[in-house]
């Protein structure tokens, strides 16, 4: 089942204090990028984030869930109503990720 665009808009609104947040629609779901790095996404109306060291420290009890059948598990973010926390989480995950190829 594709994710609702309204849920994407809600997450993007929560992340609006951050410059550099973009998204890409892919097969009914949405990949979330920060400063050009894929930090997570919206899958079946769930906000999932890459399981980096920082994400695990900030969400130590969060469940790991596959974004789609056969996908690598990601951290399910249940604190989506906390905009400041989401911004901190996305910034931290982006710092953990390697720089992309130019």
PDB file of N, CA and C in Angstrom:
ATOM      1  N   UNK A   1       0.847  -1.176   0.000  1.00  0.00           N
ATOM      2  CA  UNK A   1       0.000   0.000   0.000  1.00  0.00           C
ATOM      3  C   UNK A   1       0.895   1.242   0.000  1.00  0.00           C
ATOM      4  N   UNK A   2       0.705   2.142  -0.947  1.00  0.00           N
ATOM      5  CA  UNK A   2       1.532   3.350  -0.998  1.00  0.00           C
ATOM      6  C   UNK A   2       1.269   4.253   0.211  1.00  0.00           C
ATOM      7  N   UNK A   3       2.282   5.013   0.549  1.00  0.00           N
ATOM      8  CA  UNK A   3       2.160   5.951   1.660  1.00  0.00           C
ATOM      9  C   UNK A   3       1.338   7.163   1.241  1.00  0.00           C
ATOM     10  N   UNK A   4       0.668   7.752   2.211  1.00  0.00           N
ATOM     11  CA  UNK A   4      -0.164   8.923   1.992  1.00  0.00           C
ATOM     12  C   UNK A   4       0.725  10.167   1.894  1.00  0.00           C
ATOM     13  N   UNK A   5       0.493  10.987   0.876  1.00  0.00           N
ATOM     14  CA  UNK A   5       1.278  12.214   0.702  1.00  0.00           C
ATOM     15  C   UNK A   5       1.106  13.137   1.906  1.00  0.00           C
ATOM     16  N   UNK A   6      -0.052  13.083   2.555  1.00  0.00           N
ATOM     17  CA  UNK A   6      -0.283  13.904   3.742  1.00  0.00           C
ATOM     18  C   UNK A   6       0.669  13.554   4.871  1.00  0.00           C
ATOM     19  N   UNK A   7       1.000  12.260   5.012  1.00  0.00           N
ATOM     20  CA  UNK A   7       1.951  11.854   6.057  1.00  0.00           C
ATOM     21  C   UNK A   7       3.348  12.387   5.719  1.00  0.00           C
ATOM     22  N   UNK A   8       3.725  12.297   4.450  1.00  0.00           N
ATOM     23  CA  UNK A   8       5.003  12.876   4.026  1.00  0.00           C
ATOM     24  C   UNK A   8       5.034  14.365   4.349  1.00  0.00           C
ATOM     25  N   UNK A   9       3.963  15.074   4.007  1.00  0.00           N
ATOM     26  CA  UNK A   9       3.918  16.513   4.279  1.00  0.00           C
ATOM     27  C   UNK A   9       4.056  16.798   5.776  1.00  0.00           C
ATOM     28  N   UNK A  10       3.448  15.967   6.609  1.00  0.00           N
ATOM     29  CA  UNK A  10       3.559  16.130   8.063  1.00  0.00           C
ATOM     30  C   UNK A  10       5.018  15.987   8.511  1.00  0.00           C
ATOM     31  N   UNK A  11       5.695  14.941   8.044  1.00  0.00           N
ATOM     32  CA  UNK A  11       7.103  14.725   8.418  1.00  0.00           C
ATOM     33  C   UNK A  11       7.963  15.875   7.907  1.00  0.00           C
ATOM     34  N   UNK A  12       7.742  16.305   6.667  1.00  0.00           N
ATOM     35  CA  UNK A  12       8.516  17.422   6.129  1.00  0.00           C
ATOM     36  C   UNK A  12       8.271  18.700   6.924  1.00  0.00           C
ATOM     37  N   UNK A  13       7.058  18.902   7.389  1.00  0.00           N
ATOM     38  CA  UNK A  13       6.766  20.066   8.222  1.00  0.00           C
ATOM     39  C   UNK A  13       7.531  19.989   9.545  1.00  0.00           C
ATOM     40  N   UNK A  14       7.589  18.802  10.130  1.00  0.00           N
ATOM     41  CA  UNK A  14       8.342  18.622  11.376  1.00  0.00           C
ATOM     42  C   UNK A  14       9.828  18.914  11.157  1.00  0.00           C
ATOM     43  N   UNK A  15      10.327  18.613   9.962  1.00  0.00           N
ATOM     44  CA  UNK A  15      11.745  18.811   9.643  1.00  0.00           C
ATOM     45  C   UNK A  15      12.024  20.182   9.012  1.00  0.00           C
ATOM     46  N   UNK A  16      11.016  21.028   8.920  1.00  0.00           N
ATOM     47  CA  UNK A  16      11.167  22.308   8.220  1.00  0.00           C
ATOM     48  C   UNK A  16      12.246  23.237   8.801  1.00  0.00           C
ATOM     49  N   UNK A  17      12.602  23.144  10.094  1.00  0.00           N
ATOM     50  CA  UNK A  17      13.702  23.989  10.569  1.00  0.00           C
ATOM     51  C   UNK A  17      15.053  23.657   9.923  1.00  0.00           C
ATOM     52  N   UNK A  18      15.181  22.477   9.330  1.00  0.00           N
ATOM     53  CA  UNK A  18      16.438  22.076   8.700  1.00  0.00           C
ATOM     54  C   UNK A  18      16.458  22.502   7.239  1.00  0.00           C
ATOM     55  N   UNK A  19      17.501  23.225   6.838  1.00  0.00           N
ATOM     56  CA  UNK A  19      17.704  23.482   5.416  1.00  0.00           C
ATOM     57  C   UNK A  19      18.343  22.239   4.818  1.00  0.00           C
ATOM     58  N   UNK A  20      17.970  21.884   3.625  1.00  0.00           N
ATOM     59  CA  UNK A  20      18.614  20.755   2.963  1.00  0.00           C
ATOM     60  C   UNK A  20      17.844  19.450   3.027  1.00  0.00           C
ATOM     61  N   UNK A  21      16.597  19.466   3.529  1.00  0.00           N
ATOM     62  CA  UNK A  21      15.772  18.259   3.533  1.00  0.00           C
ATOM     63  C   UNK A  21      15.016  18.206   2.213  1.00  0.00           C
ATOM     64  N   UNK A  22      15.163  17.097   1.516  1.00  0.00           N
ATOM     65  CA  UNK A  22      14.444  16.871   0.267  1.00  0.00           C
ATOM     66  C   UNK A  22      13.880  15.456   0.297  1.00  0.00           C
ATOM     67  N   UNK A  23      13.092  15.137  -0.703  1.00  0.00           N
ATOM     68  CA  UNK A  23      12.552  13.781  -0.798  1.00  0.00           C
ATOM     69  C   UNK A  23      12.449  13.378  -2.250  1.00  0.00           C
ATOM     70  N   UNK A  24      12.310  12.087  -2.441  1.00  0.00           N
ATOM     71  CA  UNK A  24      12.134  11.525  -3.782  1.00  0.00           C
ATOM     72  C   UNK A  24      11.075  10.440  -3.700  1.00  0.00           C
ATOM     73  N   UNK A  25      10.072  10.545  -4.540  1.00  0.00           N
ATOM     74  CA  UNK A  25       9.034   9.515  -4.597  1.00  0.00           C
ATOM     75  C   UNK A  25       9.599   8.298  -5.322  1.00  0.00           C
ATOM     76  N   UNK A  26       9.325   7.119  -4.757  1.00  0.00           N
ATOM     77  CA  UNK A  26       9.804   5.892  -5.376  1.00  0.00           C
ATOM     78  C   UNK A  26       8.794   4.778  -5.108  1.00  0.00           C
ATOM     79  N   UNK A  27       8.109   4.364  -6.147  1.00  0.00           N
ATOM     80  CA  UNK A  27       7.165   3.236  -6.089  1.00  0.00           C
ATOM     81  C   UNK A  27       6.140   3.396  -4.968  1.00  0.00           C
ATOM     82  N   UNK A  28       5.563   4.581  -4.848  1.00  0.00           N
ATOM     83  CA  UNK A  28       4.526   4.825  -3.865  1.00  0.00           C
ATOM     84  C   UNK A  28       5.040   5.152  -2.475  1.00  0.00           C
ATOM     85  N   UNK A  29       6.336   5.178  -2.304  1.00  0.00           N
ATOM     86  CA  UNK A  29       6.944   5.512  -1.010  1.00  0.00           C
ATOM     87  C   UNK A  29       7.835   6.736  -1.223  1.00  0.00           C
ATOM     88  N   UNK A  30       8.472   7.215  -0.152  1.00  0.00           N
ATOM     89  CA  UNK A  30       9.262   8.437  -0.243  1.00  0.00           C
ATOM     90  C   UNK A  30      10.590   8.268   0.488  1.00  0.00           C
ATOM     91  N   UNK A  31      11.683   8.549  -0.213  1.00  0.00           N
ATOM     92  CA  UNK A  31      13.015   8.540   0.392  1.00  0.00           C
ATOM     93  C   UNK A  31      13.292   9.963   0.882  1.00  0.00           C
ATOM     94  N   UNK A  32      13.754  10.088   2.129  1.00  0.00           N
ATOM     95  CA  UNK A  32      14.068  11.392   2.723  1.00  0.00           C
ATOM     96  C   UNK A  32      15.583  11.591   2.687  1.00  0.00           C
ATOM     97  N   UNK A  33      15.991  12.737   2.172  1.00  0.00           N
ATOM     98  CA  UNK A  33      17.412  13.086   2.076  1.00  0.00           C
ATOM     99  C   UNK A  33      17.683  14.309   2.939  1.00  0.00           C
ATOM    100  N   UNK A  34      18.877  14.347   3.504  1.00  0.00           N
ATOM    101  CA  UNK A  34      19.334  15.544   4.192  1.00  0.00           C
ATOM    102  C   UNK A  34      20.736  15.835   3.697  1.00  0.00           C
ATOM    103  N   UNK A  35      20.936  17.025   3.186  1.00  0.00           N
ATOM    104  CA  UNK A  35      22.216  17.417   2.580  1.00  0.00           C
ATOM    105  C   UNK A  35      22.659  16.404   1.526  1.00  0.00           C
ATOM    106  N   UNK A  36      21.696  15.889   0.778  1.00  0.00           N
ATOM    107  CA  UNK A  36      21.992  14.970  -0.315  1.00  0.00           C
ATOM    108  C   UNK A  36      22.186  13.524   0.087  1.00  0.00           C
ATOM    109  N   UNK A  37      22.123  13.225   1.382  1.00  0.00           N
ATOM    110  CA  UNK A  37      22.318  11.858   1.861  1.00  0.00           C
ATOM    111  C   UNK A  37      20.972  11.231   2.225  1.00  0.00           C
ATOM    112  N   UNK A  38      20.728   9.987   1.813  1.00  0.00           N
ATOM    113  CA  UNK A  38      19.463   9.334   2.172  1.00  0.00           C
ATOM    114  C   UNK A  38      19.482   8.895   3.633  1.00  0.00           C
ATOM    115  N   UNK A  39      18.698   9.577   4.468  1.00  0.00           N
ATOM    116  CA  UNK A  39      18.702   9.305   5.909  1.00  0.00           C
ATOM    117  C   UNK A  39      17.570   8.373   6.333  1.00  0.00           C
ATOM    118  N   UNK A  40      16.545   8.259   5.517  1.00  0.00           N
ATOM    119  CA  UNK A  40      15.402   7.416   5.876  1.00  0.00           C
ATOM    120  C   UNK A  40      14.314   7.535   4.845  1.00  0.00           C
ATOM    121  N   UNK A  41      13.092   7.227   5.264  1.00  0.00           N
ATOM    122  CA  UNK A  41      11.999   7.327   4.322  1.00  0.00           C
ATOM    123  C   UNK A  41      10.648   7.066   4.956  1.00  0.00           C
ATOM    124  N   UNK A  42       9.642   7.266   4.143  1.00  0.00           N
ATOM    125  CA  UNK A  42       8.261   6.991   4.525  1.00  0.00           C
ATOM    126  C   UNK A  42       7.863   5.716   3.788  1.00  0.00           C
ATOM    127  N   UNK A  43       7.534   4.686   4.552  1.00  0.00           N
ATOM    128  CA  UNK A  43       7.153   3.386   3.998  1.00  0.00           C
ATOM    129  C   UNK A  43       5.875   2.931   4.694  1.00  0.00           C
ATOM    130  N   UNK A  44       4.820   2.715   3.923  1.00  0.00           N
ATOM    131  CA  UNK A  44       3.526   2.307   4.494  1.00  0.00           C
ATOM    132  C   UNK A  44       3.127   3.226   5.647  1.00  0.00           C
ATOM    133  N   UNK A  45       3.270   4.520   5.432  1.00  0.00           N
ATOM    134  CA  UNK A  45       2.945   5.539   6.435  1.00  0.00           C
ATOM    135  C   UNK A  45       3.679   5.335   7.750  1.00  0.00           C
ATOM    136  N   UNK A  46       4.927   4.893   7.657  1.00  0.00           N
ATOM    137  CA  UNK A  46       5.831   4.786   8.815  1.00  0.00           C
ATOM    138  C   UNK A  46       7.077   5.577   8.469  1.00  0.00           C
ATOM    139  N   UNK A  47       7.592   6.345   9.435  1.00  0.00           N
ATOM    140  CA  UNK A  47       8.855   7.037   9.235  1.00  0.00           C
ATOM    141  C   UNK A  47       9.958   6.114   9.737  1.00  0.00           C
ATOM    142  N   UNK A  48      10.793   5.653   8.817  1.00  0.00           N
ATOM    143  CA  UNK A  48      11.906   4.761   9.150  1.00  0.00           C
ATOM    144  C   UNK A  48      13.204   5.489   8.864  1.00  0.00           C
ATOM    145  N   UNK A  49      14.192   5.270   9.737  1.00  0.00           N
ATOM    146  CA  UNK A  49      15.480   5.956   9.622  1.00  0.00           C
ATOM    147  C   UNK A  49      16.587   4.916   9.577  1.00  0.00           C
ATOM    148  N   UNK A  50      17.684   5.254   8.913  1.00  0.00           N
ATOM    149  CA  UNK A  50      18.808   4.314   8.835  1.00  0.00           C
ATOM    150  C   UNK A  50      19.334   4.011  10.241  1.00  0.00           C
ATOM    151  N   UNK A  51      19.700   2.767  10.486  1.00  0.00           N
ATOM    152  CA  UNK A  51      20.138   2.366  11.832  1.00  0.00           C
ATOM    153  C   UNK A  51      21.616   2.665  12.087  1.00  0.00           C
ATOM    154  N   UNK A  52      21.967   3.930  12.118  1.00  0.00           N
ATOM    155  CA  UNK A  52      23.351   4.320  12.398  1.00  0.00           C
ATOM    156  C   UNK A  52      23.583   4.317  13.906  1.00  0.00           C
ATOM    157  N   UNK A  53      24.817   4.485  14.294  1.00  0.00           N
ATOM    158  CA  UNK A  53      25.147   4.532  15.719  1.00  0.00           C
ATOM    159  C   UNK A  53      24.392   5.622  16.454  1.00  0.00           C
ATOM    160  N   UNK A  54      24.309   6.806  15.853  1.00  0.00           N
ATOM    161  CA  UNK A  54      23.591   7.914  16.486  1.00  0.00           C
ATOM    162  C   UNK A  54      22.107   7.614  16.624  1.00  0.00           C
ATOM    163  N   UNK A  55      21.514   7.045  15.599  1.00  0.00           N
ATOM    164  CA  UNK A  55      20.089   6.720  15.651  1.00  0.00           C
ATOM    165  C   UNK A  55      19.814   5.704  16.750  1.00  0.00           C
ATOM    166  N   UNK A  56      20.696   4.731  16.891  1.00  0.00           N
ATOM    167  CA  UNK A  56      20.514   3.717  17.939  1.00  0.00           C
ATOM    168  C   UNK A  56      20.664   4.328  19.328  1.00  0.00           C
ATOM    169  N   UNK A  57      21.553   5.307  19.480  1.00  0.00           N
ATOM    170  CA  UNK A  57      21.708   5.973  20.777  1.00  0.00           C
ATOM    171  C   UNK A  57      20.488   6.835  21.103  1.00  0.00           C
ATOM    172  N   UNK A  58      19.957   7.526  20.111  1.00  0.00           N
ATOM    173  CA  UNK A  58      18.814   8.405  20.334  1.00  0.00           C
ATOM    174  C   UNK A  58      17.496   7.639  20.493  1.00  0.00           C
ATOM    175  N   UNK A  59      17.418   6.452  19.899  1.00  0.00           N
ATOM    176  CA  UNK A  59      16.208   5.626  19.970  1.00  0.00           C
ATOM    177  C   UNK A  59      16.592   4.201  20.396  1.00  0.00           C
ATOM    178  N   UNK A  60      17.099   4.041  21.614  1.00  0.00           N
ATOM    179  CA  UNK A  60      17.646   2.736  22.025  1.00  0.00           C
ATOM    180  C   UNK A  60      16.619   1.601  22.073  1.00  0.00           C
ATOM    181  N   UNK A  61      15.363   1.913  22.269  1.00  0.00           N
ATOM    182  CA  UNK A  61      14.352   0.867  22.393  1.00  0.00           C
ATOM    183  C   UNK A  61      13.472   0.736  21.154  1.00  0.00           C
ATOM    184  N   UNK A  62      13.811   1.439  20.099  1.00  0.00           N
ATOM    185  CA  UNK A  62      12.977   1.431  18.901  1.00  0.00           C
ATOM    186  C   UNK A  62      13.072   0.094  18.169  1.00  0.00           C
ATOM    187  N   UNK A  63      11.976  -0.261  17.535  1.00  0.00           N
ATOM    188  CA  UNK A  63      11.910  -1.505  16.774  1.00  0.00           C
ATOM    189  C   UNK A  63      12.602  -1.345  15.420  1.00  0.00           C
ATOM    190  N   UNK A  64      13.201  -2.432  14.973  1.00  0.00           N
ATOM    191  CA  UNK A  64      13.736  -2.484  13.614  1.00  0.00           C
ATOM    192  C   UNK A  64      12.661  -3.104  12.730  1.00  0.00           C
ATOM    193  N   UNK A  65      12.403  -2.457  11.594  1.00  0.00           N
ATOM    194  CA  UNK A  65      11.385  -2.937  10.676  1.00  0.00           C
ATOM    195  C   UNK A  65      11.914  -2.846   9.254  1.00  0.00           C
ATOM    196  N   UNK A  66      11.540  -3.808   8.433  1.00  0.00           N
ATOM    197  CA  UNK A  66      11.909  -3.754   7.022  1.00  0.00           C
ATOM    198  C   UNK A  66      11.005  -2.742   6.321  1.00  0.00           C
ATOM    199  N   UNK A  67      11.580  -1.895   5.495  1.00  0.00           N
ATOM    200  CA  UNK A  67      10.758  -0.907   4.796  1.00  0.00           C
ATOM    201  C   UNK A  67       9.816  -1.552   3.780  1.00  0.00           C
ATOM    202  N   UNK A  68      10.235  -2.675   3.242  1.00  0.00           N
ATOM    203  CA  UNK A  68       9.454  -3.446   2.275  1.00  0.00           C
ATOM    204  C   UNK A  68       9.994  -4.863   2.327  1.00  0.00           C
ATOM    205  N   UNK A  69       9.277  -5.782   1.756  1.00  0.00           N
ATOM    206  CA  UNK A  69       9.685  -7.183   1.806  1.00  0.00           C
ATOM    207  C   UNK A  69      11.080  -7.344   1.202  1.00  0.00           C
ATOM    208  N   UNK A  70      11.988  -7.918   1.977  1.00  0.00           N
ATOM    209  CA  UNK A  70      13.354  -8.132   1.532  1.00  0.00           C
ATOM    210  C   UNK A  70      14.284  -6.951   1.777  1.00  0.00           C
ATOM    211  N   UNK A  71      13.759  -5.843   2.294  1.00  0.00           N
ATOM    212  CA  UNK A  71      14.582  -4.656   2.543  1.00  0.00           C
ATOM    213  C   UNK A  71      15.372  -4.784   3.833  1.00  0.00           C
ATOM    214  N   UNK A  72      16.483  -4.053   3.903  1.00  0.00           N
ATOM    215  CA  UNK A  72      17.286  -4.036   5.124  1.00  0.00           C
ATOM    216  C   UNK A  72      16.507  -3.349   6.239  1.00  0.00           C
ATOM    217  N   UNK A  73      16.539  -3.912   7.447  1.00  0.00           N
ATOM    218  CA  UNK A  73      15.795  -3.305   8.557  1.00  0.00           C
ATOM    219  C   UNK A  73      16.262  -1.880   8.852  1.00  0.00           C
ATOM    220  N   UNK A  74      15.283  -1.064   9.197  1.00  0.00           N
ATOM    221  CA  UNK A  74      15.528   0.322   9.567  1.00  0.00           C
ATOM    222  C   UNK A  74      14.846   0.572  10.906  1.00  0.00           C
ATOM    223  N   UNK A  75      15.200   1.667  11.548  1.00  0.00           N
ATOM    224  CA  UNK A  75      14.617   2.001  12.845  1.00  0.00           C
ATOM    225  C   UNK A  75      13.275   2.700  12.628  1.00  0.00           C
ATOM    226  N   UNK A  76      12.261   2.193  13.295  1.00  0.00           N
ATOM    227  CA  UNK A  76      10.936   2.800  13.246  1.00  0.00           C
ATOM    228  C   UNK A  76      10.891   3.963  14.241  1.00  0.00           C
ATOM    229  N   UNK A  77      10.572   5.146  13.740  1.00  0.00           N
ATOM    230  CA  UNK A  77      10.542   6.352  14.567  1.00  0.00           C
ATOM    231  C   UNK A  77       9.108   6.588  15.026  1.00  0.00           C
ATOM    232  N   UNK A  78       8.891   6.475  16.324  1.00  0.00           N
ATOM    233  CA  UNK A  78       7.549   6.677  16.849  1.00  0.00           C
ATOM    234  C   UNK A  78       7.349   8.079  17.442  1.00  0.00           C
ATOM    235  N   UNK A  79       8.405   8.855  17.540  1.00  0.00           N
ATOM    236  CA  UNK A  79       8.315  10.204  18.137  1.00  0.00           C
ATOM    237  C   UNK A  79       8.155  11.263  17.043  1.00  0.00           C
ATOM    238  N   UNK A  80       7.268  11.009  16.093  1.00  0.00           N
ATOM    239  CA  UNK A  80       7.136  11.908  14.944  1.00  0.00           C
ATOM    240  C   UNK A  80       6.480  13.240  15.299  1.00  0.00           C
ATOM    241  N   UNK A  81       5.826  13.332  16.452  1.00  0.00           N
ATOM    242  CA  UNK A  81       5.201  14.589  16.872  1.00  0.00           C
ATOM    243  C   UNK A  81       6.200  15.548  17.513  1.00  0.00           C
ATOM    244  N   UNK A  82       7.427  15.111  17.694  1.00  0.00           N
ATOM    245  CA  UNK A  82       8.456  15.919  18.354  1.00  0.00           C
ATOM    246  C   UNK A  82       9.429  16.467  17.310  1.00  0.00           C
ATOM    247  N   UNK A  83       9.064  17.612  16.733  1.00  0.00           N
ATOM    248  CA  UNK A  83       9.854  18.183  15.648  1.00  0.00           C
ATOM    249  C   UNK A  83      11.316  18.418  15.986  1.00  0.00           C
ATOM    250  N   UNK A  84      11.595  18.974  17.161  1.00  0.00           N
ATOM    251  CA  UNK A  84      12.984  19.246  17.547  1.00  0.00           C
ATOM    252  C   UNK A  84      13.776  17.945  17.633  1.00  0.00           C
ATOM    253  N   UNK A  85      13.152  16.900  18.173  1.00  0.00           N
ATOM    254  CA  UNK A  85      13.825  15.606  18.259  1.00  0.00           C
ATOM    255  C   UNK A  85      14.080  15.045  16.864  1.00  0.00           C
ATOM    256  N   UNK A  86      13.087  15.135  15.972  1.00  0.00           N
ATOM    257  CA  UNK A  86      13.281  14.617  14.612  1.00  0.00           C
ATOM    258  C   UNK A  86      14.414  15.333  13.900  1.00  0.00           C
ATOM    259  N   UNK A  87      14.508  16.635  14.094  1.00  0.00           N
ATOM    260  CA  UNK A  87      15.605  17.388  13.476  1.00  0.00           C
ATOM    261  C   UNK A  87      16.953  16.919  14.013  1.00  0.00           C
ATOM    262  N   UNK A  88      17.053  16.744  15.326  1.00  0.00           N
ATOM    263  CA  UNK A  88      18.288  16.240  15.923  1.00  0.00           C
ATOM    264  C   UNK A  88      18.627  14.850  15.377  1.00  0.00           C
ATOM    265  N   UNK A  89      17.628  13.997  15.269  1.00  0.00           N
ATOM    266  CA  UNK A  89      17.829  12.640  14.759  1.00  0.00           C
ATOM    267  C   UNK A  89      18.345  12.661  13.324  1.00  0.00           C
ATOM    268  N   UNK A  90      17.709  13.425  12.473  1.00  0.00           N
ATOM    269  CA  UNK A  90      18.111  13.492  11.065  1.00  0.00           C
ATOM    270  C   UNK A  90      19.510  14.078  10.932  1.00  0.00           C
ATOM    271  N   UNK A  91      19.816  15.131  11.680  1.00  0.00           N
ATOM    272  CA  UNK A  91      21.180  15.706  11.651  1.00  0.00           C
ATOM    273  C   UNK A  91      22.212  14.671  12.070  1.00  0.00           C
ATOM    274  N   UNK A  92      21.911  13.927  13.129  1.00  0.00           N
ATOM    275  CA  UNK A  92      22.857  12.932  13.646  1.00  0.00           C
ATOM    276  C   UNK A  92      23.080  11.801  12.658  1.00  0.00           C
ATOM    277  N   UNK A  93      22.006  11.319  12.062  1.00  0.00           N
ATOM    278  CA  UNK A  93      22.132  10.232  11.085  1.00  0.00           C
ATOM    279  C   UNK A  93      22.941  10.701   9.879  1.00  0.00           C
ATOM    280  N   UNK A  94      22.670  11.913   9.411  1.00  0.00           N
ATOM    281  CA  UNK A  94      23.408  12.440   8.250  1.00  0.00           C
ATOM    282  C   UNK A  94      24.904  12.504   8.541  1.00  0.00           C
ATOM    283  N   UNK A  95      25.279  12.913   9.748  1.00  0.00           N
ATOM    284  CA  UNK A  95      26.704  12.987  10.108  1.00  0.00           C
ATOM    285  C   UNK A  95      27.355  11.601  10.124  1.00  0.00           C
ATOM    286  N   UNK A  96      26.570  10.565  10.458  1.00  0.00           N
ATOM    287  CA  UNK A  96      27.107   9.201  10.513  1.00  0.00           C
ATOM    288  C   UNK A  96      27.336   8.597   9.117  1.00  0.00           C
ATOM    289  N   UNK A  97      26.633   9.093   8.127  1.00  0.00           N
ATOM    290  CA  UNK A  97      26.698   8.496   6.794  1.00  0.00           C
ATOM    291  C   UNK A  97      27.916   8.987   6.031  1.00  0.00           C
ATOM    292  N   UNK A  98      28.497   8.130   5.196  1.00  0.00           N
ATOM    293  CA  UNK A  98      29.660   8.561   4.394  1.00  0.00           C
ATOM    294  C   UNK A  98      29.236   9.577   3.345  1.00  0.00           C
ATOM    295  N   UNK A  99      30.188  10.375   2.915  1.00  0.00           N
ATOM    296  CA  UNK A  99      29.922  11.313   1.825  1.00  0.00           C
ATOM    297  C   UNK A  99      29.725  10.529   0.553  1.00  0.00           C
ATOM    298  N   UNK A 100      28.814  10.988  -0.268  1.00  0.00           N
ATOM    299  CA  UNK A 100      28.522  10.314  -1.535  1.00  0.00           C
ATOM    300  C   UNK A 100      29.612  10.555  -2.559  1.00  0.00           C
ATOM    301  N   UNK A 101      29.500   9.812  -3.647  1.00  0.00           N
ATOM    302  CA  UNK A 101      30.444   9.981  -4.745  1.00  0.00           C
ATOM    303  C   UNK A 101      30.075  11.234  -5.523  1.00  0.00           C
ATOM    304  N   UNK A 102      31.078  11.950  -5.959  1.00  0.00           N
ATOM    305  CA  UNK A 102      30.836  13.184  -6.727  1.00  0.00           C
ATOM    306  C   UNK A 102      31.011  12.894  -8.200  1.00  0.00           C
TER     307      UNK A 102
END
